[in-house]
Protein backbone atom coordinates (compact mmCIF):
# COMPACT_ATOMS: atom_id res chain seq x y z
CA MET A 1 19.62 -4.46 11.61
CA ILE A 2 16.75 -2.26 13.03
CA VAL A 3 13.08 -4.05 12.45
CA LYS A 4 10.45 -1.48 12.32
CA GLN A 5 7.47 -2.52 13.52
CA TYR A 6 5.36 -0.85 11.47
CA ILE A 7 6.92 -2.49 8.46
CA LYS A 8 6.13 -5.47 9.87
CA ASP A 9 2.84 -4.46 10.31
CA PHE A 10 2.29 -3.78 6.38
CA GLU A 11 3.83 -7.10 5.95
CA GLU A 12 0.77 -8.45 7.85
CA LEU A 13 -1.60 -6.63 5.97
CA GLY A 14 -0.65 -8.93 3.07
CA PHE A 15 -3.95 -8.40 0.25
CA GLY A 16 -4.52 -4.85 -1.02
CA MET A 17 -6.26 -3.14 -3.63
CA PHE A 18 -4.68 -0.99 -5.69
CA VAL A 19 -6.81 1.90 -7.10
CA HIS A 20 -6.41 4.02 -10.76
CA PHE A 21 -9.25 6.94 -10.69
CA GLY A 22 -9.12 10.11 -12.21
CA LEU A 23 -10.38 12.00 -15.43
CA TYR A 24 -8.37 9.83 -17.69
CA SER A 25 -11.65 7.25 -16.28
CA ARG A 26 -14.13 9.56 -17.81
CA LEU A 27 -12.26 8.57 -21.07
CA GLY A 28 -12.12 5.10 -20.72
CA LYS A 29 -8.81 4.71 -22.66
CA GLY A 30 -6.51 3.99 -19.81
CA GLU A 31 -4.34 5.78 -17.19
CA TRP A 32 -2.40 7.07 -20.13
CA ALA A 33 -4.50 8.25 -22.48
CA ARG A 34 -3.73 11.72 -22.31
CA TRP A 35 0.21 10.75 -23.36
CA CYS A 36 -0.38 7.89 -25.51
CA LEU A 37 -3.19 9.26 -27.25
CA ASN A 38 -1.39 12.59 -27.81
CA ILE A 39 -4.34 14.57 -26.44
CA PRO A 40 -4.08 18.29 -26.03
CA ALA A 41 -4.16 20.14 -22.93
CA GLU A 42 -7.25 22.07 -24.22
CA GLU A 43 -9.47 19.26 -24.87
CA TYR A 44 -7.87 16.88 -21.83
CA GLU A 45 -8.58 19.46 -19.07
CA PRO A 46 -11.68 20.73 -19.60
CA LEU A 47 -13.05 17.00 -18.39
CA GLN A 48 -12.06 18.03 -14.76
CA LYS A 49 -15.90 20.03 -15.21
CA GLU A 50 -17.19 16.77 -16.04
CA PHE A 51 -15.31 14.52 -13.03
CA CYS A 52 -18.30 14.30 -10.28
CA PRO A 53 -18.22 10.29 -9.35
CA LYS A 54 -21.20 9.39 -7.90
CA PRO A 55 -22.26 10.04 -3.82
CA THR A 56 -21.42 6.57 -3.15
CA TRP A 57 -18.22 5.79 -5.29
CA ALA A 58 -16.09 5.34 -2.12
CA LYS A 59 -18.61 3.29 -0.27
CA GLU A 60 -18.98 0.77 -2.79
CA LEU A 61 -14.96 0.45 -3.55
CA ALA A 62 -13.92 -0.10 0.21
CA GLU A 63 -17.24 -2.93 0.60
CA ALA A 64 -15.47 -4.59 -2.59
CA ALA A 65 -12.40 -4.29 -1.60
CA LYS A 66 -12.90 -5.87 1.89
CA ALA A 67 -14.81 -8.49 0.63
CA ALA A 68 -12.01 -9.40 -1.46
CA GLY A 69 -10.19 -10.05 1.87
CA CYS A 70 -7.71 -6.82 0.96
CA ARG A 71 -6.92 -4.94 3.99
CA TYR A 72 -5.56 -1.44 2.68
CA ILE A 73 -6.58 0.59 -0.36
CA THR A 74 -4.04 2.63 -2.00
CA LEU A 75 -5.56 4.93 -4.07
CA THR A 76 -4.38 7.69 -7.15
CA THR A 77 -4.93 10.82 -5.45
CA ARG A 78 -2.86 12.77 -8.09
CA HIS A 79 -1.35 10.54 -10.96
CA HIS A 80 0.50 11.91 -13.98
CA ASP A 81 -1.96 14.05 -15.72
CA GLY A 82 -1.81 16.57 -12.78
CA TYR A 83 -5.69 16.25 -11.36
CA SER A 84 -5.62 16.08 -8.02
CA LEU A 85 -8.06 13.92 -6.27
CA TYR A 86 -8.02 16.11 -3.26
CA ASP A 87 -8.45 20.08 -1.76
CA THR A 88 -4.82 21.35 -2.89
CA ARG A 89 -5.91 24.53 -0.80
CA GLY A 90 -5.13 26.53 -3.48
CA LEU A 91 -2.16 25.42 -4.94
CA THR A 92 -3.58 24.49 -8.33
CA PRO A 93 -7.11 24.80 -9.48
CA PHE A 94 -6.54 22.01 -11.34
CA ASP A 95 -8.35 19.64 -8.65
CA SER A 96 -11.42 18.27 -7.27
CA MET A 97 -12.40 21.21 -5.35
CA THR A 98 -12.80 23.69 -8.00
CA ASN A 99 -15.43 22.70 -9.64
CA PHE A 100 -17.99 20.45 -7.08
CA GLY A 101 -16.27 21.19 -3.98
CA ARG A 102 -15.73 17.69 -3.50
CA ASP A 103 -12.67 16.13 -1.94
CA TYR A 104 -12.91 12.51 -3.13
CA VAL A 105 -9.55 11.59 -0.80
CA ARG A 106 -11.64 12.40 2.24
CA GLU A 107 -14.24 10.37 0.62
CA PHE A 108 -12.36 7.47 0.27
CA VAL A 109 -10.63 7.76 3.61
CA ASP A 110 -13.58 8.27 5.50
CA ALA A 111 -15.10 5.22 3.48
CA CYS A 112 -11.97 2.89 4.08
CA ARG A 113 -12.27 3.69 8.06
CA GLU A 114 -15.63 2.51 7.89
CA ASN A 115 -14.90 -0.36 6.62
CA ASP A 116 -11.53 -1.39 8.75
CA LEU A 117 -9.34 -0.70 5.98
CA VAL A 118 -5.82 0.95 6.14
CA PRO A 119 -6.04 4.19 3.81
CA PHE A 120 -2.49 4.50 1.27
CA PHE A 121 -1.70 7.46 -1.14
CA TYR A 122 -0.35 6.96 -4.23
CA HIS A 123 1.04 10.34 -5.92
CA THR A 124 2.38 10.87 -9.09
CA LEU A 125 6.17 12.23 -9.15
CA LEU A 126 6.12 13.31 -12.54
CA ASP A 127 3.08 15.72 -13.99
CA TRP A 128 2.46 16.23 -17.27
CA HIS A 129 0.24 19.69 -16.39
CA HIS A 130 2.82 21.53 -14.35
CA PRO A 131 4.44 24.20 -16.07
CA ASP A 132 7.43 24.08 -13.65
CA TYR A 133 8.36 20.48 -14.18
CA ASN A 134 10.10 20.56 -17.85
CA ALA A 135 10.97 24.58 -17.00
CA ASP A 136 12.10 25.21 -13.24
CA PHE A 137 12.10 21.65 -11.88
CA PRO A 138 13.42 22.93 -8.42
CA ALA A 139 10.37 25.07 -8.18
CA TYR A 140 8.22 22.03 -9.06
CA LEU A 141 9.51 20.05 -6.63
CA LYS A 142 8.57 22.88 -4.35
CA TYR A 143 4.96 22.35 -5.13
CA LEU A 144 5.22 18.71 -4.76
CA ARG A 145 6.33 18.60 -1.58
CA ALA A 146 3.80 20.80 -0.46
CA SER A 147 0.95 18.60 -2.52
CA VAL A 148 2.24 15.80 -0.51
CA GLU A 149 2.54 17.45 2.64
CA LEU A 150 -1.94 18.53 2.40
CA LEU A 151 -1.32 14.35 2.74
CA CYS A 152 -0.06 14.05 5.35
CA THR A 153 -1.43 16.49 7.75
CA ASN A 154 -5.07 16.48 6.68
CA TYR A 155 -6.51 12.76 6.83
CA GLY A 156 -5.76 11.39 10.26
CA LYS A 157 -2.77 8.49 10.64
CA ILE A 158 -2.46 6.72 7.38
CA GLY A 159 -1.07 3.91 6.34
CA GLY A 160 1.83 5.10 3.62
CA LEU A 161 2.51 6.80 0.80
CA TRP A 162 3.12 5.77 -2.55
CA PHE A 163 5.13 7.85 -4.98
CA ASP A 164 5.49 6.41 -9.27
CA GLY A 165 7.45 8.69 -11.50
CA MET A 166 10.79 9.07 -10.95
CA TRP A 167 12.03 7.30 -13.17
CA ASN A 168 11.02 9.70 -15.38
CA LYS A 169 14.13 11.96 -15.26
CA PRO A 170 16.49 9.90 -13.34
CA GLN A 171 19.43 12.20 -14.00
CA GLU A 172 17.73 14.50 -11.63
CA ASN A 173 18.25 15.43 -8.16
CA TRP A 174 14.80 14.66 -6.38
CA GLU A 175 15.07 16.26 -3.40
CA GLU A 176 14.18 12.70 -1.54
CA ASP A 177 15.47 14.37 1.42
CA ALA A 178 13.38 16.63 2.23
CA MET A 179 10.21 15.01 0.80
CA TYR A 180 10.90 11.86 3.20
CA SER A 181 11.88 14.38 5.85
CA MET A 182 8.85 16.25 5.89
CA ILE A 183 6.89 12.75 5.84
CA ARG A 184 8.08 11.53 8.95
CA SER A 185 7.64 14.71 10.24
CA HIS A 186 3.99 14.63 10.34
CA GLN A 187 3.39 10.39 9.51
CA PRO A 188 6.32 8.58 11.66
CA ASP A 189 4.91 5.20 11.32
CA ALA A 190 3.87 5.64 7.60
CA MET A 191 5.18 3.51 5.09
CA ILE A 192 6.96 5.54 2.14
CA ILE A 193 7.05 3.39 -1.34
CA ASN A 194 8.52 4.78 -4.54
CA ASN A 195 8.42 2.84 -7.36
CA THR A 196 11.47 1.53 -9.11
CA GLY A 197 9.50 0.88 -12.36
CA LEU A 198 8.85 -2.17 -15.22
CA ASP A 199 12.99 -1.88 -15.52
CA ALA A 200 13.88 -2.43 -11.63
CA ARG A 201 11.68 -4.67 -9.99
CA GLY A 202 12.57 -5.10 -6.33
CA ALA A 203 15.89 -2.53 -6.31
CA LEU A 204 16.71 -0.87 -3.20
CA GLY A 205 16.67 2.77 -3.25
CA HIS A 206 16.92 5.75 -0.10
CA ILE A 207 17.08 4.70 3.02
CA GLU A 208 13.99 5.90 4.01
CA LEU A 209 12.10 3.55 2.50
CA ASP A 210 10.36 0.84 3.68
CA SER A 211 9.43 -1.83 0.55
CA VAL A 212 10.42 -2.31 -2.42
CA THR A 213 8.27 -3.03 -5.58
CA PHE A 214 7.43 -5.56 -8.12
CA GLU A 215 5.58 -3.73 -10.93
CA ARG A 216 3.55 -6.94 -13.00
CA GLY A 217 6.16 -9.20 -12.18
CA LYS A 218 6.96 -11.97 -9.39
CA PRO A 219 8.29 -10.97 -5.92
CA GLN A 220 11.31 -12.75 -5.13
CA PRO A 221 13.54 -12.80 -1.80
CA ILE A 222 15.02 -9.63 -0.81
CA ASN A 223 19.08 -9.29 -0.29
CA MET A 224 19.14 -6.62 2.87
CA GLU A 225 23.35 -7.66 2.88
CA GLY A 226 24.36 -4.30 3.77
CA SER A 227 20.94 -2.43 4.67
CA PRO A 228 20.68 -0.98 7.96
CA LYS A 229 16.70 -1.66 8.77
CA TYR A 230 14.34 -4.65 7.60
CA ILE A 231 12.70 -3.82 3.92
CA ALA A 232 8.87 -4.86 2.93
CA SER A 233 8.60 -5.95 -0.63
CA GLU A 234 4.94 -5.41 -2.54
CA MET A 235 3.96 -6.86 -5.97
CA CYS A 236 1.73 -4.80 -8.05
CA GLN A 237 -1.11 -6.14 -10.62
CA VAL A 238 -3.69 -5.01 -12.79
CA PHE A 239 -6.52 -7.49 -13.87
CA ASP A 240 -6.34 -6.86 -17.39
CA ASP A 241 -3.37 -4.69 -19.08
CA HIS A 242 -4.22 -1.01 -17.86
CA TRP A 243 -4.45 0.59 -14.72
CA GLY A 244 -7.29 3.06 -15.73
CA TYR A 245 -10.02 2.01 -16.90
CA ALA A 246 -10.34 1.09 -20.34
CA ALA A 247 -13.95 -0.01 -21.59
CA LEU A 248 -12.21 -2.14 -24.89
CA ASP A 249 -9.49 -3.87 -22.47
CA LEU A 250 -10.95 -7.44 -22.55
CA ASN A 251 -7.60 -9.15 -21.69
CA TYR A 252 -8.64 -10.51 -18.36
CA LYS A 253 -6.26 -12.84 -16.66
CA PRO A 254 -7.83 -15.96 -15.60
CA LEU A 255 -8.73 -15.34 -11.29
CA GLY A 256 -6.26 -19.03 -11.12
CA GLU A 257 -3.83 -17.38 -12.44
CA ILE A 258 -4.52 -14.09 -9.50
CA ILE A 259 -4.80 -17.27 -6.69
CA GLU A 260 -1.38 -18.26 -7.61
CA ASP A 261 0.03 -14.24 -7.73
CA LEU A 262 -1.08 -14.02 -3.92
CA ALA A 263 0.21 -17.25 -3.11
CA VAL A 264 3.36 -16.73 -4.18
CA CYS A 265 3.53 -12.79 -2.78
CA ARG A 266 2.53 -14.93 0.90
CA ARG A 267 5.55 -17.76 0.10
CA TYR A 268 8.52 -14.64 0.03
CA ARG A 269 6.63 -12.38 3.07
CA SER A 270 5.74 -9.83 -0.10
CA ASN A 271 2.12 -7.74 -0.11
CA TYR A 272 0.13 -8.15 -2.64
CA LEU A 273 -1.83 -4.96 -4.37
CA LEU A 274 -4.28 -5.63 -6.67
CA ASN A 275 -5.74 -3.05 -9.08
CA VAL A 276 -9.10 -1.92 -10.30
CA GLY A 277 -9.89 0.90 -12.61
CA PRO A 278 -12.76 2.15 -11.20
CA MET A 279 -14.94 3.78 -14.51
CA GLY A 280 -15.71 7.41 -14.54
CA ASP A 281 -18.75 7.62 -12.14
CA GLY A 282 -16.24 5.69 -9.90
CA SER A 283 -18.07 2.23 -10.26
CA LEU A 284 -16.61 -0.88 -10.84
CA ARG A 285 -16.59 -3.35 -14.29
CA ALA A 286 -18.87 -6.02 -13.28
CA ILE A 287 -16.02 -8.09 -14.09
CA ASP A 288 -14.20 -6.50 -11.28
CA ARG A 289 -17.03 -6.46 -9.09
CA ALA A 290 -17.31 -10.16 -9.76
CA MET A 291 -13.69 -11.65 -9.92
CA LEU A 292 -12.98 -9.86 -6.26
CA GLU A 293 -16.35 -11.36 -4.64
CA THR A 294 -15.21 -14.44 -5.98
CA LEU A 295 -11.45 -14.21 -5.27
CA GLY A 296 -12.87 -13.14 -1.73
CA GLN A 297 -14.15 -16.78 -1.53
CA TRP A 298 -10.56 -18.46 -1.43
CA THR A 299 -9.06 -15.60 0.65
CA ALA A 300 -12.00 -16.13 3.37
CA ILE A 301 -10.96 -20.31 3.30
CA HIS A 302 -7.13 -19.27 3.51
CA GLU A 303 -7.52 -16.22 6.05
CA GLU A 304 -4.96 -17.84 8.84
CA ALA A 305 -2.39 -19.06 6.70
CA LEU A 306 -2.19 -15.14 4.37
CA ARG A 307 -1.14 -12.87 7.69
CA SER A 308 1.14 -13.53 9.84
CA PRO A 309 2.93 -17.09 9.02
CA VAL A 310 6.24 -16.46 7.51
CA PRO A 311 8.60 -17.88 4.83
CA THR A 312 10.64 -21.04 5.72
CA GLY A 313 12.56 -22.04 2.78
CA ILE A 314 11.24 -25.41 2.29
CA THR A 315 12.04 -26.55 -0.52
CA VAL A 316 9.30 -29.60 -1.71
CA GLU A 317 10.48 -31.84 -3.61
CA ASN A 318 10.07 -31.92 -7.65
CA LYS A 319 7.38 -28.90 -6.94
CA PRO A 320 9.12 -25.68 -7.42
CA LYS A 321 5.73 -24.00 -6.71
CA ASP A 322 4.87 -26.00 -3.93
CA PHE A 323 5.94 -23.78 -0.06
CA VAL A 324 5.52 -24.34 3.38
CA LEU A 325 5.31 -21.00 6.13
CA GLN A 326 5.35 -21.07 9.14
CA GLY A 327 2.86 -19.43 11.84
CA GLU A 328 2.28 -19.51 15.73
CA GLY A 329 2.55 -23.44 16.54
CA CYS A 330 1.58 -24.78 13.28
CA TRP A 331 3.07 -24.45 9.63
CA TYR A 332 0.71 -24.29 6.22
CA LEU A 333 1.53 -26.51 3.01
CA PHE A 334 0.56 -24.61 -0.10
CA VAL A 335 0.21 -27.06 -2.96
CA HIS A 336 -1.14 -26.49 -6.33
CA ASP A 337 -1.97 -28.04 -9.40
CA LEU A 338 -4.04 -30.62 -7.70
CA GLY A 339 -6.77 -30.82 -10.50
CA MET A 340 -10.40 -32.90 -10.03
CA SER A 341 -11.50 -36.25 -9.67
CA SER A 342 -13.85 -37.12 -12.02
CA ASP A 343 -14.71 -39.21 -14.93
CA PRO A 344 -11.25 -38.89 -17.21
CA ASN A 345 -13.60 -38.16 -20.04
CA VAL A 346 -14.33 -34.89 -17.66
CA ALA A 347 -11.08 -34.12 -15.86
CA ILE A 348 -8.11 -32.56 -17.55
CA ASN A 349 -4.18 -31.87 -16.33
CA ARG A 350 -4.70 -34.18 -13.85
CA PRO A 351 -1.26 -34.75 -12.15
CA ALA A 352 0.19 -37.97 -11.39
CA ASP A 353 2.18 -37.53 -8.32
CA PHE A 354 0.29 -36.40 -5.39
CA THR A 355 3.06 -36.75 -2.61
CA GLU A 356 4.78 -33.81 -0.98
CA ARG A 357 8.18 -34.94 0.21
CA PHE A 358 10.75 -32.18 1.77
CA ALA A 359 12.72 -32.07 5.30
CA PHE A 360 10.97 -31.05 8.31
CA ALA A 361 12.60 -31.33 11.56
CA PRO A 362 9.42 -31.05 14.19
CA ALA A 363 7.56 -34.30 15.24
CA VAL A 364 3.82 -34.05 13.18
CA LYS A 365 1.48 -34.60 14.80
CA SER A 366 -1.61 -34.30 12.24
CA ILE A 367 -1.96 -32.72 9.02
CA CYS A 368 -5.77 -31.50 7.45
CA TRP A 369 -6.85 -29.42 4.40
CA LEU A 370 -7.90 -25.49 5.71
CA ASP A 371 -11.06 -25.90 3.52
CA ASP A 372 -13.07 -28.86 4.68
CA GLY A 373 -10.86 -30.33 7.46
CA ALA A 374 -10.30 -33.53 5.67
CA ALA A 375 -6.94 -35.42 7.52
CA LEU A 376 -4.29 -36.09 5.22
CA PRO A 377 -2.16 -39.26 5.79
CA PHE A 378 1.56 -38.47 5.92
CA GLU A 379 4.64 -40.55 7.13
CA GLN A 380 7.74 -38.80 8.72
CA THR A 381 10.84 -40.76 8.51
CA ASP A 382 14.97 -39.42 9.36
CA GLY A 383 13.59 -35.52 9.35
CA VAL A 384 11.61 -36.02 5.76
CA LEU A 385 8.62 -35.40 5.59
CA THR A 386 5.83 -37.11 2.61
CA VAL A 387 2.25 -35.72 2.92
CA HIS A 388 -0.28 -37.88 0.44
CA THR A 389 -2.29 -35.05 -1.25
CA ASN A 390 -5.58 -35.85 -3.00
CA PRO A 391 -6.59 -34.06 -6.88
CA PHE A 392 -9.85 -31.97 -5.47
CA GLY A 393 -13.43 -33.59 -5.38
CA TYR A 394 -15.82 -33.43 -8.08
CA GLY A 395 -17.34 -29.65 -7.81
CA CYS A 396 -14.81 -27.84 -6.11
CA ASN A 397 -11.07 -26.34 -7.73
CA LEU A 398 -9.80 -23.72 -5.09
CA VAL A 399 -6.57 -23.79 -7.87
CA VAL A 400 -4.03 -23.54 -4.71
CA ARG A 401 -4.80 -25.47 -1.65
CA VAL A 402 -3.21 -25.49 1.73
CA ALA A 403 -3.24 -27.80 4.28
CA LYS A 404 -2.23 -27.09 8.20
CA ILE A 405 0.67 -28.81 9.45
CA THR A 406 0.19 -29.55 13.57
CA ALA A 407 3.37 -30.59 15.51
CA GLU A 408 4.90 -31.30 18.95
């Protein structure tokens, strides 16, 4: 099996920000607003005359991503409505240059590089705007490849391309060979990802694809039996119910759930791509900014356990959510549901069992929490390690707590 370095490098990025941003952001009703709300083209397309993000939108976005602990950002350069956030060089007037002379993708890339973040480009495959999508599909595919080629040639080295929408015409010949060979000719080390959609999470696809996707679904180990090359995986998730900004969507997930998602992704060496939908001027909602900043507290504490360590397959007795990763010369035990130590009238969901027991052959020298450095008592007998954990002290609950195991 061929193992390509750029795929391993992608896995070490670990945590990224997904950004759904476009004309639909002006409406504040989600990224599928035109389709789901049956908005006619003559009402929707004039939004391009109003879509002018504030000058600092990309800078603020990149700073929020970095504060959260992200190492890359994937931006919707063109979503299903067909509007391009980049200079299409005359391929279509339905782009950011037509009314304001601004290349928003350029602004985004510059902000990423200023903040040491890797830029990735989402690009739709289906298109509600271009007439050839339904009238002359081969002609549309030429337009699509020409569009993607601009992204491959005008912004320097990029982390990868993230496609979405092939599921809309599953019986059509999408001419994937032509698309992927063009990308490889310009960006040989770019990740190529093609979202399989909600109905085919984790499915392997074309041989040139470098990662499978788990859209709003927990990652699982990938069956690479028979695959000629190593494949990565990535889970994408939203804070609320919509990918694009929806002003009245208040159904936000608890931050604890987001933290558990990130942890389970790293259990299987899967990346976590967490979405935000900026408002029409490019600003993030206050709740998005706050959740990202707070999430950054957790990632900062556990940084060393999130990037390079790899899965071990170690099973913790009677605790299916807990797991062990192997780092360089050490191991990391991820522990869930510890609860909080306090008066019984204050604490809730306090577990009864604080022991972690699992098979572990190396001779252990010490175990300590990453967050406060406190040592944990343990016993090791006949290749079985028993670790005595403890609840969070009053005034703290990190949701998932990580202990570092040092062994000979």
